[in-house]
Protein backbone atom coordinates (compact mmCIF):
# COMPACT_ATOMS: atom_id res chain seq x y z
CA MET A 1 0.00 0.00 0.00
CA ASP A 2 2.82 2.43 0.88
CA ILE A 3 4.57 1.59 -2.38
CA MET A 4 1.45 2.56 -4.33
CA TYR A 5 1.18 5.90 -2.53
CA ASN A 6 4.89 6.67 -3.07
CA LEU A 7 4.88 5.75 -6.79
CA PRO A 8 4.26 9.33 -8.05
CA LYS A 9 7.15 10.58 -5.91
CA THR A 10 9.38 7.83 -7.28
CA LEU A 11 8.54 8.73 -10.90
CA ILE A 12 9.24 12.39 -10.27
CA ALA A 13 12.55 11.57 -8.61
CA LEU A 14 13.61 9.41 -11.58
CA TYR A 15 12.59 12.17 -13.99
CA LEU A 16 14.67 14.70 -12.09
CA ILE A 17 17.65 12.35 -12.06
CA HIS A 18 17.33 11.95 -15.82
CA PHE A 19 17.39 15.69 -16.45
CA ASN A 20 20.10 16.31 -13.91
CA LEU A 21 22.27 13.83 -15.78
CA CYS A 22 21.55 15.62 -19.05
CA HIS A 23 21.62 19.18 -17.82
CA GLY A 24 23.21 19.04 -14.42
CA ASN A 25 21.82 22.04 -12.53
CA ASN A 26 22.54 24.32 -15.49
CA TRP A 27 18.95 24.90 -16.59
CA HIS A 28 19.75 28.52 -17.41
CA TYR A 29 22.47 27.65 -19.95
CA SER A 30 19.98 26.81 -22.71
CA LEU A 31 16.44 27.87 -23.57
CA SER A 32 15.83 24.32 -24.71
CA SER A 33 16.45 23.25 -21.17
CA ILE A 34 13.85 25.75 -19.98
CA TYR A 35 11.23 24.19 -22.26
CA GLU A 36 12.18 20.77 -20.90
CA LEU A 37 11.77 22.19 -17.44
CA PHE A 38 8.24 23.34 -18.35
CA ASN A 39 7.44 19.81 -19.47
CA LEU A 40 8.89 18.44 -16.26
CA GLU A 41 6.71 20.80 -14.25
CA VAL A 42 3.61 19.63 -16.12
CA GLU A 43 4.50 16.01 -15.34
CA HIS A 44 5.15 17.01 -11.76
CA ILE A 45 1.75 18.70 -11.49
CA ILE A 46 -0.07 15.73 -13.02
CA ALA A 47 1.72 13.29 -10.74
CA THR A 48 1.02 15.48 -7.70
CA GLU A 49 -2.67 15.79 -8.61
CA THR A 50 -2.86 12.01 -8.95
CA TYR A 51 -1.15 11.65 -5.59
CA ILE A 52 -3.58 14.11 -3.95
CA LYS A 53 -6.54 12.31 -5.52
CA ASN A 54 -5.29 8.98 -4.17
CA GLU A 55 -4.66 10.53 -0.76
CA TYR A 56 -8.17 11.99 -0.63
CA LYS A 57 -9.60 8.58 -1.51
CA ARG A 58 -7.42 6.88 1.09
CA LEU A 59 -8.38 9.39 3.77
CA GLU A 60 -12.05 9.07 2.82
CA ASP A 61 -11.76 5.29 3.17
CA ILE A 62 -10.20 5.77 6.61
CA ARG A 63 -12.97 8.21 7.59
CA LYS A 64 -15.67 5.70 6.57
CA PHE A 65 -13.81 2.98 8.45
CA ILE A 66 -13.56 5.13 11.59
CA ASP A 67 -17.27 6.08 11.41
CA GLN A 68 -18.22 2.40 11.19
CA ARG A 69 -15.96 1.58 14.12
CA LYS A 70 -17.45 4.41 16.20
CA LYS A 71 -20.92 2.98 15.71
CA GLN A 72 -19.70 -0.52 16.54
CA ASN A 73 -17.81 0.79 19.57
CA GLU A 74 -20.91 2.56 20.89
CA LYS A 75 -22.91 -0.62 20.44
CA GLU A 76 -20.35 -2.76 22.23
CA LEU A 77 -19.94 -0.26 25.06
CA ALA A 78 -23.54 -0.98 25.99
CA GLU A 79 -23.30 -2.95 29.23
CA SER A 80 -25.71 -5.66 28.14
CA TYR A 81 -23.58 -6.40 25.05
CA THR A 82 -20.21 -7.02 26.69
CA GLU A 83 -21.69 -9.05 29.54
CA SER A 84 -21.88 -12.00 27.16
CA SER A 85 -18.64 -14.00 27.16
CA ILE A 86 -19.08 -14.63 23.44
CA ASN A 87 -19.61 -10.94 22.67
CA ALA A 88 -16.60 -10.00 24.79
CA PHE A 89 -14.46 -12.47 22.83
CA LYS A 90 -15.86 -11.22 19.50
CA THR A 91 -14.99 -7.65 20.54
CA ILE A 92 -11.36 -8.62 21.20
CA LEU A 93 -11.23 -10.41 17.85
CA ARG A 94 -12.80 -7.47 16.02
CA ILE A 95 -10.46 -4.91 17.57
CA LYS A 96 -7.43 -7.00 16.61
CA ASN A 97 -8.62 -7.15 12.99
CA ASP A 98 -9.55 -3.45 13.02
CA TRP A 99 -6.10 -2.40 14.21
CA GLU A 100 -4.47 -4.49 11.50
CA THR A 101 -6.71 -2.86 8.88
CA LEU A 102 -6.11 0.64 10.22
CA LYS A 103 -2.36 0.06 10.39
CA ASN A 104 -2.35 -0.88 6.71
CA LYS A 105 -4.43 2.15 5.75
CA THR A 106 -2.31 4.72 7.60
CA ALA A 107 1.27 5.83 7.22
CA GLN A 108 3.66 4.18 9.67
CA THR A 109 4.91 7.61 10.77
CA THR A 110 1.55 8.46 12.34
CA ALA A 111 0.70 8.15 16.01
CA ILE A 112 -1.19 4.94 15.24
CA GLY A 113 2.07 3.01 15.53
CA GLU A 114 2.39 4.09 19.16
CA PHE A 115 -0.51 1.80 20.09
CA LYS A 116 1.22 -1.31 18.76
CA ASP A 117 2.34 -2.54 22.19
CA LYS A 118 -1.17 -2.06 23.61
CA SER A 119 -3.00 -3.85 20.84
CA VAL A 120 -4.70 -7.25 20.98
CA THR A 121 -2.30 -10.14 20.40
CA TYR A 122 -2.70 -13.60 18.93
CA ASP A 123 -2.25 -15.03 22.44
CA ASN A 124 -5.31 -13.03 23.58
CA ILE A 125 -7.36 -14.64 20.81
CA VAL A 126 -6.18 -18.15 21.72
CA SER A 127 -6.95 -17.52 25.40
CA GLY A 128 -10.44 -16.35 24.43
CA LEU A 129 -11.01 -19.51 22.40
CA LYS A 130 -9.85 -21.64 25.34
CA ALA A 131 -12.24 -19.78 27.65
CA ILE A 132 -15.15 -20.57 25.35
CA ARG A 133 -14.00 -24.19 25.19
CA ARG A 134 -14.09 -24.32 29.01
CA LEU A 135 -17.68 -23.05 28.93
CA GLN A 136 -18.49 -25.86 26.52
CA ILE A 137 -16.86 -28.41 28.83
CA ILE A 138 -18.26 -27.24 32.17
CA TYR A 139 -21.83 -26.68 31.00
CA GLU A 140 -21.89 -29.42 28.32
CA LEU A 141 -22.83 -27.05 25.51
CA ASP A 142 -23.02 -28.24 21.92
CA ALA A 143 -21.00 -26.52 19.21
CA GLN A 144 -24.23 -25.52 17.48
CA ASP A 145 -25.59 -23.91 20.65
CA ILE A 146 -22.44 -21.86 21.12
CA SER A 147 -22.07 -20.85 17.46
CA ASN A 148 -25.69 -19.65 17.33
CA TRP A 149 -25.40 -18.45 20.94
CA ASN A 150 -28.86 -18.02 22.30
CA ILE A 151 -28.54 -19.90 25.58
CA ASP A 152 -31.32 -19.66 28.15
CA GLY A 153 -32.65 -16.48 26.56
CA HIS A 154 -29.32 -14.64 26.59
CA PRO A 155 -28.53 -13.92 22.92
CA SER A 156 -25.04 -13.04 21.72
CA GLN A 157 -23.39 -12.35 18.41
CA PRO A 158 -23.23 -15.64 16.46
CA PHE A 159 -19.97 -17.17 15.26
CA ASP A 160 -19.08 -16.82 11.60
CA VAL A 161 -17.41 -19.58 9.60
CA ASN A 162 -13.88 -18.48 10.54
CA ASP A 163 -14.69 -18.32 14.27
CA CYS A 164 -16.01 -21.88 14.06
CA TYR A 165 -12.86 -22.97 12.23
CA ASP A 166 -10.66 -21.44 14.95
CA MET A 167 -12.59 -23.37 17.62
CA ALA A 168 -12.35 -26.58 15.58
CA SER A 169 -8.61 -26.13 15.11
CA LEU A 170 -8.10 -25.52 18.83
CA CYS A 171 -9.79 -28.85 19.59
CA TYR A 172 -8.03 -30.62 16.71
CA ASP A 173 -4.58 -29.46 17.83
CA ASN A 174 -5.36 -30.71 21.37
CA ALA A 175 -6.41 -34.12 19.97
CA GLU A 176 -10.00 -33.47 21.12
CA TYR A 177 -11.42 -35.01 17.97
CA HIS A 178 -15.05 -35.22 19.06
CA CYS A 179 -14.99 -31.52 19.84
CA ALA A 180 -13.18 -30.80 16.55
CA TYR A 181 -15.66 -32.92 14.57
CA TRP A 182 -18.73 -30.99 15.68
CA TRP A 183 -17.07 -27.62 15.15
CA PHE A 184 -15.95 -28.71 11.68
CA VAL A 185 -19.57 -29.63 10.95
CA GLU A 186 -20.46 -26.02 11.78
CA VAL A 187 -17.68 -24.78 9.48
CA TYR A 188 -18.89 -27.00 6.64
CA ASP A 189 -22.52 -25.86 6.99
CA ARG A 190 -21.72 -22.17 7.42
CA ASN A 191 -19.28 -22.11 4.53
CA LYS A 192 -22.19 -23.02 2.27
CA LYS A 193 -24.64 -20.54 3.79
CA ASP A 194 -22.74 -17.58 5.26
CA GLY A 195 -21.71 -14.52 3.35
CA TYR A 196 -18.27 -14.92 4.94
CA LYS A 197 -15.55 -16.81 3.14
CA LEU A 198 -13.30 -19.31 4.84
CA LYS A 199 -9.94 -17.55 5.15
CA ILE A 200 -7.77 -20.65 5.16
CA ASP A 201 -7.12 -23.01 2.27
CA TYR A 202 -10.21 -25.18 1.82
CA THR A 203 -8.08 -28.29 1.30
CA THR A 204 -6.54 -27.81 4.76
CA PHE A 205 -10.00 -27.66 6.30
CA MET A 206 -11.13 -30.68 4.28
CA LYS A 207 -8.21 -32.80 5.50
CA LYS A 208 -8.82 -31.96 9.16
CA PHE A 209 -12.57 -32.48 8.86
CA ALA A 210 -12.19 -35.83 7.10
CA TRP A 211 -9.64 -37.08 9.62
CA SER A 212 -11.73 -35.97 12.61
CA SER A 213 -14.78 -37.65 11.08
CA TYR A 214 -12.86 -40.89 10.69
CA LEU A 215 -11.41 -40.82 14.21
CA VAL A 216 -14.80 -40.33 15.88
CA GLY A 217 -16.36 -43.12 13.86
CA ASP A 218 -18.22 -41.20 11.17
CA VAL A 219 -16.53 -43.20 8.40
CA ASP A 220 -19.33 -42.58 5.91
CA GLY A 221 -19.04 -38.87 6.54
CA ALA A 222 -15.28 -38.98 6.03
CA MET A 223 -15.72 -40.87 2.75
CA TYR A 224 -18.34 -38.38 1.58
CA ILE A 225 -16.03 -35.43 2.27
CA LEU A 226 -13.14 -37.07 0.42
CA ASN A 227 -15.26 -38.20 -2.53
CA GLU A 228 -16.78 -34.72 -2.82
CA HIS A 229 -13.32 -33.47 -3.76
CA ALA A 230 -12.04 -36.59 -5.49
CA ASP A 231 -10.86 -34.67 -8.56
CA GLU A 232 -8.74 -32.35 -6.44
CA ILE A 233 -7.24 -35.05 -4.22
CA ASN A 234 -5.06 -36.67 -6.87
CA GLU A 235 -3.73 -33.31 -7.98
CA ILE A 236 -3.08 -31.64 -4.64
CA HIS A 237 -1.82 -33.86 -1.86
CA ASP A 238 -0.37 -37.34 -1.67
CA ASP A 239 -1.34 -37.54 1.98
CA MET A 240 -4.97 -37.02 0.99
CA ILE A 241 -4.72 -40.18 -1.10
CA ASN A 242 -3.27 -42.03 1.90
CA MET A 243 -6.03 -40.67 4.13
CA ARG A 244 -8.67 -41.75 1.65
CA PHE A 245 -7.25 -45.27 1.63
CA THR A 246 -7.07 -45.33 5.44
CA VAL A 247 -10.70 -44.30 5.72
CA TRP A 248 -11.73 -46.83 3.09
CA ALA A 249 -9.75 -49.59 4.82
CA GLY A 250 -11.15 -48.67 8.21
CA ASN A 251 -14.65 -48.86 6.82
CA LYS A 252 -14.00 -52.35 5.46
CA VAL A 253 -12.02 -53.82 8.34
CA TYR A 254 -13.71 -52.57 11.51
CA LYS A 255 -16.43 -50.22 12.70
CA ARG A 256 -15.45 -47.41 15.03
CA ASN A 257 -17.73 -45.79 17.61
CA THR A 258 -20.31 -43.57 16.00
CA ALA A 259 -20.04 -39.81 16.12
CA ASP A 260 -23.48 -39.65 17.73
CA ASP A 261 -22.00 -41.36 20.78
CA HIS A 262 -19.45 -38.58 21.21
CA ASP A 263 -17.91 -38.50 24.65
CA LYS A 264 -18.64 -35.20 26.37
CA ASN A 265 -15.76 -35.87 28.77
CA PHE A 266 -13.21 -35.02 26.07
CA TYR A 267 -11.61 -31.79 27.24
CA SER A 268 -8.33 -29.92 27.28
CA TYR A 269 -5.15 -31.72 28.29
CA SER A 270 -4.60 -29.31 31.17
CA LEU A 271 -8.05 -29.93 32.66
CA GLN A 272 -7.66 -33.65 32.03
CA LYS A 273 -4.54 -33.76 34.22
CA LEU A 274 -6.29 -31.84 36.99
CA ASP A 275 -9.32 -34.11 36.81
CA SER A 276 -7.20 -37.06 37.95
CA GLU A 277 -7.82 -35.87 41.52
CA LYS A 278 -11.57 -35.43 40.91
CA GLU A 279 -11.42 -31.75 41.75
CA VAL A 280 -12.39 -30.71 38.25
CA SER A 281 -15.13 -33.34 38.24
CA ASN A 282 -16.66 -31.95 41.46
CA PHE A 283 -16.32 -28.41 40.13
CA LYS A 284 -18.10 -29.28 36.87
CA THR A 285 -20.91 -31.12 38.66
CA THR A 286 -21.53 -28.29 41.12
CA CYS A 287 -21.46 -25.57 38.45
CA ARG A 288 -23.77 -27.50 36.13
CA ASN A 289 -26.28 -27.91 38.95
CA THR A 290 -26.37 -24.18 39.72
CA THR A 291 -29.67 -23.53 37.97
CA ASP A 292 -31.29 -26.62 39.51
CA PHE A 293 -29.86 -26.08 42.98
CA ILE A 294 -32.43 -25.67 45.73
CA TYR A 295 -31.28 -24.56 49.15
CA PRO A 296 -32.17 -26.93 51.98
CA LYS A 297 -35.25 -25.82 53.87
CA LEU A 298 -33.29 -23.93 56.50
CA LYS A 299 -34.08 -20.65 58.21
CA CYS A 300 -34.64 -17.34 56.47
CA ARG A 301 -35.19 -14.32 58.71
CA TYR A 302 -34.64 -10.62 59.21
CA TYR A 303 -31.46 -10.17 61.24
CA HIS A 304 -30.27 -7.30 63.43
CA GLY A 305 -27.82 -9.05 65.82
CA GLY A 306 -28.84 -6.75 68.67
CA ARG A 307 -27.26 -3.77 66.90
CA LYS A 308 -29.25 -0.54 67.03
CA TYR A 309 -28.29 0.40 63.47
CA LEU A 310 -29.64 -2.90 62.12
CA MET A 311 -32.77 -2.75 64.27
CA ILE A 312 -33.86 0.23 62.18
CA GLY A 313 -33.18 -1.59 58.92
CA PRO A 314 -32.61 -5.32 59.52
CA LEU A 315 -30.89 -7.48 56.91
CA ARG A 316 -32.49 -10.46 55.21
CA GLU A 317 -30.46 -13.49 56.33
CA GLU A 318 -30.57 -16.93 54.71
CA ILE A 319 -28.88 -19.95 56.29
CA VAL A 320 -27.48 -21.64 53.19
CA SER A 321 -25.66 -24.55 54.85
CA LEU A 322 -24.89 -26.05 58.23
CA ILE A 323 -21.64 -27.85 57.28
CA PRO A 324 -19.81 -25.68 56.61
CA SER A 325 -21.85 -22.93 58.20
CA MET A 326 -22.79 -20.48 55.44
CA LYS A 327 -25.09 -17.48 55.67
CA LEU A 328 -26.23 -15.12 52.93
CA TYR A 329 -27.12 -11.49 53.69
CA HIS A 330 -28.92 -9.33 51.12
CA ASN A 331 -28.52 -5.62 50.29
CA VAL A 332 -25.27 -5.26 52.21
CA LEU A 333 -23.81 -2.74 49.73
CA TYR A 334 -25.49 0.25 48.09
CA ASP A 335 -25.21 1.01 44.38
CA ASN A 336 -23.15 4.17 44.95
CA GLU A 337 -20.70 2.18 47.12
CA ILE A 338 -20.35 -0.50 44.45
CA LYS A 339 -19.73 2.16 41.81
CA LYS A 340 -17.04 3.80 43.96
CA ILE A 341 -15.27 0.49 44.69
CA LYS A 342 -15.12 -0.34 40.97
CA GLU A 343 -13.75 3.11 40.14
CA LEU A 344 -10.99 2.67 42.71
CA ALA A 345 -10.19 -0.88 41.61
CA LYS A 346 -10.05 -0.55 37.81
CA PRO A 347 -6.64 1.21 37.63
CA LYS A 348 -5.15 -1.28 40.11
CA LEU A 349 -6.45 -4.57 38.71
CA GLU A 350 -3.65 -7.04 37.98
CA ARG A 351 -3.11 -10.75 37.52
CA LEU A 352 -1.70 -12.59 40.54
CA SER A 353 1.64 -14.36 40.21
CA ILE A 354 0.01 -17.68 41.16
CA ASP A 355 -2.49 -17.38 38.29
CA THR A 356 -0.24 -19.03 35.71
CA ASN A 357 -2.75 -21.61 34.48
CA GLU A 358 -5.88 -20.22 32.84
CA ASP A 359 -7.64 -23.56 33.38
CA ILE A 360 -7.35 -22.73 37.10
CA SER A 361 -8.12 -19.04 37.12
CA LEU A 362 -9.06 -16.18 34.80
CA ARG A 363 -9.34 -13.02 36.89
CA LYS A 364 -7.64 -9.82 38.01
CA VAL A 365 -7.54 -8.47 41.55
CA ALA A 366 -6.85 -5.25 43.44
CA SER A 367 -6.14 -5.01 47.18
CA PHE A 368 -7.11 -2.20 49.56
CA ARG A 369 -6.98 -1.25 53.22
CA LYS A 370 -9.70 0.58 55.10
CA ASN A 371 -7.75 3.86 55.16
CA ASN A 372 -7.45 3.89 51.35
CA ASN A 373 -10.93 5.39 51.02
CA GLN A 374 -13.95 6.21 53.15
CA VAL A 375 -16.00 3.52 51.40
CA PHE A 376 -13.77 0.78 52.87
CA GLU A 377 -13.94 2.39 56.31
CA THR A 378 -17.74 2.29 56.04
CA ILE A 379 -17.75 -1.37 54.96
CA HIS A 380 -15.33 -2.21 57.79
CA HIS A 381 -17.82 -0.93 60.39
CA ARG A 382 -20.77 -2.51 58.57
CA LEU A 383 -19.13 -5.96 58.67
CA ALA A 384 -18.60 -5.51 62.40
CA GLN A 385 -22.33 -4.80 62.75
CA ILE A 386 -23.32 -7.87 60.71
CA SER A 387 -20.90 -10.27 62.42
CA SER A 388 -21.44 -8.86 65.94
CA LYS A 389 -17.66 -8.60 66.24
CA PRO A 390 -15.50 -5.63 67.26
CA THR A 391 -13.88 -3.78 64.37
CA THR A 392 -10.50 -5.13 65.50
CA ASN A 393 -11.70 -8.60 64.45
CA ILE A 394 -12.27 -7.49 60.86
CA GLU A 395 -9.04 -7.93 58.90
CA ASP A 396 -7.72 -4.72 57.41
CA LYS A 397 -7.62 -6.21 53.93
CA TYR A 398 -10.12 -5.99 51.09
CA VAL A 399 -9.65 -7.74 47.76
CA VAL A 400 -11.65 -6.72 44.69
CA THR A 401 -11.86 -9.37 41.96
CA ASN A 402 -13.07 -8.97 38.39
CA TYR A 403 -13.36 -12.04 36.17
CA GLY A 404 -12.52 -12.19 32.46
CA ILE A 405 -14.09 -13.85 29.42
CA GLY A 406 -15.70 -17.01 30.77
CA GLY A 407 -13.94 -15.99 33.98
CA HIS A 408 -13.67 -18.54 36.77
CA TYR A 409 -11.64 -19.74 39.73
CA LEU A 410 -11.16 -23.50 40.07
CA PRO A 411 -10.26 -24.53 43.64
CA HIS A 412 -7.28 -26.85 43.45
CA THR A 413 -4.80 -28.10 46.05
CA LYS A 414 -1.78 -27.77 43.74
CA TYR A 415 -2.48 -24.07 43.23
CA ILE A 416 -3.78 -23.13 46.66
CA ASP A 417 -4.63 -19.48 47.03
CA ASP A 418 -4.73 -18.84 50.79
CA ASP A 419 -7.32 -16.12 50.28
CA HIS A 420 -9.74 -18.83 49.05
CA LEU A 421 -8.95 -21.32 51.82
CA ILE A 422 -11.99 -21.76 54.08
CA ASN A 423 -10.28 -23.33 57.12
CA ARG A 424 -7.21 -21.12 57.39
CA LYS A 425 -5.73 -20.89 60.90
CA GLY A 426 -6.55 -17.70 62.76
CA GLN A 427 -9.54 -17.04 60.53
CA ASP A 428 -13.15 -17.25 61.68
CA ALA A 429 -14.91 -16.60 58.38
CA ILE A 430 -14.64 -15.36 54.81
CA VAL A 431 -17.06 -12.74 53.52
CA ILE A 432 -17.67 -12.65 49.75
CA ILE A 433 -19.71 -9.64 48.67
CA HIS A 434 -21.17 -9.89 45.17
CA MET A 435 -21.20 -6.55 43.36
CA ASP A 436 -23.14 -7.65 40.25
CA ASP A 437 -26.00 -9.84 39.15
CA VAL A 438 -24.67 -12.63 36.94
CA PRO A 439 -27.62 -14.10 34.99
CA LYS A 440 -25.83 -17.20 33.68
CA GLY A 441 -22.87 -18.92 35.36
CA GLY A 442 -20.53 -17.17 37.77
CA ALA A 443 -21.90 -18.79 40.93
CA THR A 444 -19.70 -18.92 44.03
CA VAL A 445 -19.16 -22.61 44.78
CA LEU A 446 -17.68 -25.01 47.32
CA PRO A 447 -17.17 -28.13 45.17
CA ASP A 448 -16.00 -30.29 48.10
CA VAL A 449 -19.43 -30.01 49.72
CA GLU A 450 -21.32 -29.40 46.45
CA PHE A 451 -22.79 -26.04 47.43
CA CYS A 452 -23.27 -23.09 45.12
CA VAL A 453 -24.60 -19.57 45.59
CA PRO A 454 -25.55 -17.42 42.57
CA SER A 455 -24.05 -13.94 42.27
CA VAL A 456 -26.72 -11.45 43.37
CA LYS A 457 -25.81 -7.77 43.47
CA GLY A 458 -25.25 -6.46 46.99
CA SER A 459 -25.40 -9.86 48.71
CA ALA A 460 -22.73 -11.03 51.16
CA LEU A 461 -21.93 -14.72 51.58
CA VAL A 462 -20.31 -15.53 54.94
CA ILE A 463 -18.52 -18.91 55.09
CA TYR A 464 -17.41 -19.92 58.59
CA ASN A 465 -14.27 -21.86 59.43
CA MET A 466 -15.14 -25.48 60.28
CA ARG A 467 -12.23 -25.68 62.74
CA SER A 468 -14.12 -23.59 65.28
CA THR A 469 -17.51 -25.27 64.92
CA PHE A 470 -17.28 -28.98 64.23
CA GLY A 471 -13.92 -30.12 65.58
CA PRO A 472 -12.61 -33.34 63.97
CA ILE A 473 -14.87 -33.07 60.92
CA GLU A 474 -12.77 -30.17 59.63
CA GLU A 475 -9.94 -32.61 58.91
CA LEU A 476 -12.03 -34.04 56.08
CA PHE A 477 -12.21 -30.58 54.52
CA GLU A 478 -8.85 -29.16 55.56
CA PHE A 479 -8.07 -27.75 52.11
CA THR A 480 -11.60 -26.77 51.13
CA GLN A 481 -11.65 -23.62 49.01
CA TYR A 482 -14.41 -21.61 47.46
CA GLY A 483 -14.36 -20.96 43.74
CA SER A 484 -16.28 -19.29 40.95
CA CYS A 485 -18.03 -21.05 38.06
CA PRO A 486 -17.24 -19.89 34.51
CA ILE A 487 -19.32 -16.89 33.45
CA VAL A 488 -21.57 -17.43 30.45
CA TYR A 489 -23.39 -14.12 30.66
CA GLY A 490 -22.58 -11.32 33.07
CA ASP A 491 -19.75 -9.24 34.52
CA LYS A 492 -18.76 -10.58 37.93
CA TRP A 493 -17.15 -8.36 40.55
CA THR A 494 -16.61 -9.44 44.15
CA LEU A 495 -15.26 -7.81 47.29
CA THR A 496 -13.70 -10.25 49.77
CA ALA A 497 -13.05 -9.63 53.46
CA TRP A 498 -11.97 -11.84 56.38
CA LEU A 499 -13.16 -12.13 59.97
CA LYS A 500 -10.83 -13.12 62.83
């Protein structure tokens, strides 16, 4: 593109070199040279006019592009749009493509280049794909459900053919062939219907699709794909011929499991290793049962704890569990307090050093003390009122957590985060205050005891240390941690505090 824009300048430079060789700089030595100079000026003017015309067109193209992006940006800034994990991923993908387009349309000397280090990377895209794959695993979602993305009445932007191919390739490269097969089916169908074109070589897609079909037992499907392109096979790839023979031989010699019997337990290698200790299995089961979970018929009451402040406006208290003892208080934080906490936290959010495995955690945190802002001082005293403890028994530490695309925290003994440990010595209870409603996913869970609590804005979940209440039974749950289920739809923020 730059070469095209610089072509008029190049032609003019060559023309000047030509006349400099003939005339040097001695244009005034001959009238003939003056006439040649007139001709040169005419060529210069024409070339410059062409250059200006091309520049106007280029700038107009950039203006149209920017106007389109402004409209898209305004749409995606709408809170309800970005709360979908799929939409959030699609936004990252779009911005990456937009920056590449804009970089190609603008001169490299402009300020656009300064944003290079802050732009979306390929690793961000891969991480987003893995997050969506985790949603598929945890909630047992079909590829078709995700690609069309209208789950439980929460619509999102559908996947196009290239998005489906990226998901299929992620599964294929991880040897998750059942996953790959169903995503390749989506690619195949959408490539015929969508207005989008598959960006990769179709033969590459065909090979992967045929091989996945064969490996999951859909031999007839694999043969159909190969026969559909029989004329191309002999001309393009020898390995396609070998694959065709393998599929044919497999069909004749033995019958594999059918694709309809696909094993939903196929999932990423990282999660598969973790699942050997059943922690992932418990996590998946608890998160999947979130929508069907019914609290035991325990007490629900208005609570004031003998405090005058709460006698005026008592809190609604639910006893969620007896072992471990868990209580849920509603309307603990006001909207203006939540807004202030988020404003303070956003510039400080960072990934923890222990969060090295995205299959374990996808979140950022910010830590505060009560003297950092009046809002934390207020919450400090409010927790003392709720817990009937002196303020000295409320730890001077507050952790704000915001979860990412499909964000989650998987409790796991190999990656213990002390802040999530229920039975930590010297600790009486953990208080998890939910600062947002999360319509789908995002529940706070204790997989070891199969309890989950949905994220309801302003509610505070208090989980008591089993050491102080049930004696020897705590040994069975020594390393029990709370976690967070992957978010399908919603933006989850929590504020965590500790009671001594």
